[in-house]
């Protein structure tokens, strides 16, 4: 499995931006598609975006298109989530997770298909 660590969360005013980073350790990073999810208080874990191992294919939740962008730098073993025009309802703990590329793209928007998870980073958007 790949080990993942999120960073970049914090407190931001509505309308602001944040860029989250997901840093991976180990030589297996390119064996994984990487996804971002979030979980707000009392809410289910929500799919945000995902990117395949070669950074050629991405998927972003329809409700977030135009505000959230996912990218990947395999030389740095890092995946990024750029979040713009943040809203108070974006407040949540944000997680990145690994989805083995042996599965292709099967289930890659479903958190249950992911094998490795980071510890999460808190994002708080004030009104």
C-alpha atoms as a PDB file:
ATOM      1  CA  UNK A   1       0.000   0.000   0.000  1.00  0.00           C
ATOM      2  CA  UNK A   2       0.953   3.614  -0.451  1.00  0.00           C
ATOM      3  CA  UNK A   3       1.273   5.924   2.562  1.00  0.00           C
ATOM      4  CA  UNK A   4      -0.436   9.284   2.120  1.00  0.00           C
ATOM      5  CA  UNK A   5      -0.212  12.553   4.061  1.00  0.00           C
ATOM      6  CA  UNK A   6      -2.466  15.534   3.430  1.00  0.00           C
ATOM      7  CA  UNK A   7      -1.510  19.143   4.092  1.00  0.00           C
ATOM      8  CA  UNK A   8      -2.638  22.640   3.198  1.00  0.00           C
ATOM      9  CA  UNK A   9      -5.868  22.843   5.138  1.00  0.00           C
ATOM     10  CA  UNK A  10      -6.764  25.758   7.351  1.00  0.00           C
ATOM     11  CA  UNK A  11      -9.156  28.614   7.960  1.00  0.00           C
ATOM     12  CA  UNK A  12     -10.183  30.745   4.999  1.00  0.00           C
ATOM     13  CA  UNK A  13     -12.882  33.318   4.349  1.00  0.00           C
ATOM     14  CA  UNK A  14     -15.709  32.621   1.951  1.00  0.00           C
ATOM     15  CA  UNK A  15     -14.606  33.349  -1.590  1.00  0.00           C
ATOM     16  CA  UNK A  16     -11.006  32.459  -0.844  1.00  0.00           C
ATOM     17  CA  UNK A  17      -8.824  29.658  -2.155  1.00  0.00           C
ATOM     18  CA  UNK A  18      -6.754  26.814  -0.771  1.00  0.00           C
ATOM     19  CA  UNK A  19      -4.503  24.229  -2.354  1.00  0.00           C
ATOM     20  CA  UNK A  20      -4.346  20.892  -0.615  1.00  0.00           C
ATOM     21  CA  UNK A  21      -1.418  18.547  -1.108  1.00  0.00           C
ATOM     22  CA  UNK A  22      -1.333  14.780  -0.809  1.00  0.00           C
ATOM     23  CA  UNK A  23       2.221  13.505  -0.461  1.00  0.00           C
ATOM     24  CA  UNK A  24       2.964   9.830  -0.947  1.00  0.00           C
ATOM     25  CA  UNK A  25       5.848   7.773   0.322  1.00  0.00           C
ATOM     26  CA  UNK A  26       7.276   4.670  -1.254  1.00  0.00           C
ATOM     27  CA  UNK A  27       7.993   3.553  -4.782  1.00  0.00           C
ATOM     28  CA  UNK A  28       4.434   2.480  -5.499  1.00  0.00           C
ATOM     29  CA  UNK A  29       2.914   5.933  -6.048  1.00  0.00           C
ATOM     30  CA  UNK A  30       2.571   5.401  -9.792  1.00  0.00           C
ATOM     31  CA  UNK A  31       0.604   2.229  -9.121  1.00  0.00           C
ATOM     32  CA  UNK A  32      -2.246   4.275  -7.731  1.00  0.00           C
ATOM     33  CA  UNK A  33      -4.966   6.531  -8.919  1.00  0.00           C
ATOM     34  CA  UNK A  34      -5.472   9.162  -6.204  1.00  0.00           C
ATOM     35  CA  UNK A  35      -8.783  10.580  -5.096  1.00  0.00           C
ATOM     36  CA  UNK A  36      -9.942  13.368  -2.804  1.00  0.00           C
ATOM     37  CA  UNK A  37     -12.906  13.032  -0.485  1.00  0.00           C
ATOM     38  CA  UNK A  38     -14.332  15.069   2.356  1.00  0.00           C
ATOM     39  CA  UNK A  39     -16.514  14.482   5.344  1.00  0.00           C
ATOM     40  CA  UNK A  40     -18.373  17.240   7.100  1.00  0.00           C
ATOM     41  CA  UNK A  41     -19.916  17.021  10.585  1.00  0.00           C
ATOM     42  CA  UNK A  42     -22.769  14.563  10.555  1.00  0.00           C
ATOM     43  CA  UNK A  43     -22.368  13.915   6.838  1.00  0.00           C
ATOM     44  CA  UNK A  44     -21.298  10.955   4.747  1.00  0.00           C
ATOM     45  CA  UNK A  45     -17.935  10.853   3.043  1.00  0.00           C
ATOM     46  CA  UNK A  46     -18.251  12.696  -0.266  1.00  0.00           C
ATOM     47  CA  UNK A  47     -16.322  12.197  -3.496  1.00  0.00           C
ATOM     48  CA  UNK A  48     -14.603  15.335  -4.781  1.00  0.00           C
ATOM     49  CA  UNK A  49     -12.130  14.476  -7.514  1.00  0.00           C
ATOM     50  CA  UNK A  50      -9.763  11.779  -8.693  1.00  0.00           C
ATOM     51  CA  UNK A  51      -6.841  11.449 -11.086  1.00  0.00           C
ATOM     52  CA  UNK A  52      -5.357   8.399 -12.721  1.00  0.00           C
ATOM     53  CA  UNK A  53      -1.756   7.260 -12.203  1.00  0.00           C
ATOM     54  CA  UNK A  54      -0.441   8.995 -15.331  1.00  0.00           C
ATOM     55  CA  UNK A  55      -2.403  12.225 -14.773  1.00  0.00           C
ATOM     56  CA  UNK A  56      -4.096  11.814 -18.147  1.00  0.00           C
ATOM     57  CA  UNK A  57      -7.609  11.146 -16.847  1.00  0.00           C
ATOM     58  CA  UNK A  58      -9.443  13.090 -14.166  1.00  0.00           C
ATOM     59  CA  UNK A  59     -12.917  13.156 -12.744  1.00  0.00           C
ATOM     60  CA  UNK A  60     -14.449  15.938 -10.670  1.00  0.00           C
ATOM     61  CA  UNK A  61     -17.821  15.832  -8.942  1.00  0.00           C
ATOM     62  CA  UNK A  62     -20.366  17.665 -11.078  1.00  0.00           C
ATOM     63  CA  UNK A  63     -21.283  20.029  -8.248  1.00  0.00           C
ATOM     64  CA  UNK A  64     -17.636  21.134  -7.928  1.00  0.00           C
ATOM     65  CA  UNK A  65     -16.664  21.584 -11.560  1.00  0.00           C
ATOM     66  CA  UNK A  66     -15.396  25.070 -12.146  1.00  0.00           C
ATOM     67  CA  UNK A  67     -14.288  25.499  -8.519  1.00  0.00           C
ATOM     68  CA  UNK A  68     -12.114  22.446  -7.737  1.00  0.00           C
ATOM     69  CA  UNK A  69      -9.235  21.157  -9.863  1.00  0.00           C
ATOM     70  CA  UNK A  70      -7.075  18.084  -9.331  1.00  0.00           C
ATOM     71  CA  UNK A  71      -3.531  17.679 -10.581  1.00  0.00           C
ATOM     72  CA  UNK A  72      -0.586  15.403 -10.039  1.00  0.00           C
ATOM     73  CA  UNK A  73       3.217  15.600 -10.084  1.00  0.00           C
ATOM     74  CA  UNK A  74       4.679  12.103 -10.148  1.00  0.00           C
ATOM     75  CA  UNK A  75       8.221  13.467  -9.869  1.00  0.00           C
ATOM     76  CA  UNK A  76       7.244  14.850  -6.459  1.00  0.00           C
ATOM     77  CA  UNK A  77       4.936  11.968  -5.495  1.00  0.00           C
ATOM     78  CA  UNK A  78       2.222  14.533  -4.859  1.00  0.00           C
ATOM     79  CA  UNK A  79      -1.380  15.145  -5.851  1.00  0.00           C
ATOM     80  CA  UNK A  80      -2.973  18.558  -5.468  1.00  0.00           C
ATOM     81  CA  UNK A  81      -6.513  19.782  -5.014  1.00  0.00           C
ATOM     82  CA  UNK A  82      -6.969  23.433  -5.933  1.00  0.00           C
ATOM     83  CA  UNK A  83     -10.112  24.848  -4.366  1.00  0.00           C
ATOM     84  CA  UNK A  84     -11.423  28.249  -5.404  1.00  0.00           C
ATOM     85  CA  UNK A  85     -14.454  30.352  -4.472  1.00  0.00           C
ATOM     86  CA  UNK A  86     -14.779  28.476  -1.215  1.00  0.00           C
ATOM     87  CA  UNK A  87     -18.098  28.455   0.612  1.00  0.00           C
ATOM     88  CA  UNK A  88     -18.971  27.774   4.251  1.00  0.00           C
ATOM     89  CA  UNK A  89     -20.531  24.482   3.169  1.00  0.00           C
ATOM     90  CA  UNK A  90     -17.081  23.348   1.990  1.00  0.00           C
ATOM     91  CA  UNK A  91     -16.074  23.092   5.639  1.00  0.00           C
ATOM     92  CA  UNK A  92     -15.009  19.498   6.286  1.00  0.00           C
ATOM     93  CA  UNK A  93     -12.099  17.176   6.850  1.00  0.00           C
ATOM     94  CA  UNK A  94     -10.466  16.493   3.509  1.00  0.00           C
ATOM     95  CA  UNK A  95      -8.861  13.134   2.742  1.00  0.00           C
ATOM     96  CA  UNK A  96      -6.809  11.762  -0.092  1.00  0.00           C
ATOM     97  CA  UNK A  97      -6.829   8.055  -0.856  1.00  0.00           C
ATOM     98  CA  UNK A  98      -5.201   5.524  -3.158  1.00  0.00           C
ATOM     99  CA  UNK A  99      -7.046   3.362  -5.696  1.00  0.00           C
ATOM    100  CA  UNK A 100      -4.932   0.630  -7.272  1.00  0.00           C
ATOM    101  CA  UNK A 101      -4.545   1.144 -11.007  1.00  0.00           C
ATOM    102  CA  UNK A 102      -4.941  -2.626 -11.401  1.00  0.00           C
ATOM    103  CA  UNK A 103      -8.651  -1.875 -11.068  1.00  0.00           C
ATOM    104  CA  UNK A 104      -8.543   0.497 -14.000  1.00  0.00           C
ATOM    105  CA  UNK A 105     -11.129   3.209 -13.335  1.00  0.00           C
ATOM    106  CA  UNK A 106     -13.629   0.821 -11.819  1.00  0.00           C
ATOM    107  CA  UNK A 107     -15.372   2.352  -8.836  1.00  0.00           C
ATOM    108  CA  UNK A 108     -12.955   5.204  -8.632  1.00  0.00           C
ATOM    109  CA  UNK A 109     -15.575   7.716  -7.510  1.00  0.00           C
ATOM    110  CA  UNK A 110     -16.667   5.410  -4.671  1.00  0.00           C
ATOM    111  CA  UNK A 111     -14.723   5.762  -1.418  1.00  0.00           C
ATOM    112  CA  UNK A 112     -15.196   2.038  -0.739  1.00  0.00           C
ATOM    113  CA  UNK A 113     -12.954   1.227  -3.709  1.00  0.00           C
ATOM    114  CA  UNK A 114      -9.962   2.980  -2.127  1.00  0.00           C
ATOM    115  CA  UNK A 115      -7.395   1.028  -0.161  1.00  0.00           C
ATOM    116  CA  UNK A 116      -5.087   3.579   1.435  1.00  0.00           C
ATOM    117  CA  UNK A 117      -6.129   6.741   3.260  1.00  0.00           C
ATOM    118  CA  UNK A 118      -4.366   9.730   4.714  1.00  0.00           C
ATOM    119  CA  UNK A 119      -5.186  11.112   8.145  1.00  0.00           C
ATOM    120  CA  UNK A 120      -7.119  14.081   6.764  1.00  0.00           C
ATOM    121  CA  UNK A 121      -6.723  17.845   6.892  1.00  0.00           C
ATOM    122  CA  UNK A 122      -9.303  20.264   8.245  1.00  0.00           C
ATOM    123  CA  UNK A 123     -10.689  22.980   6.007  1.00  0.00           C
ATOM    124  CA  UNK A 124     -12.853  25.642   7.618  1.00  0.00           C
ATOM    125  CA  UNK A 125     -14.533  28.341   5.560  1.00  0.00           C
ATOM    126  CA  UNK A 126     -15.903  31.308   7.484  1.00  0.00           C
ATOM    127  CA  UNK A 127     -18.787  33.408   6.228  1.00  0.00           C
END
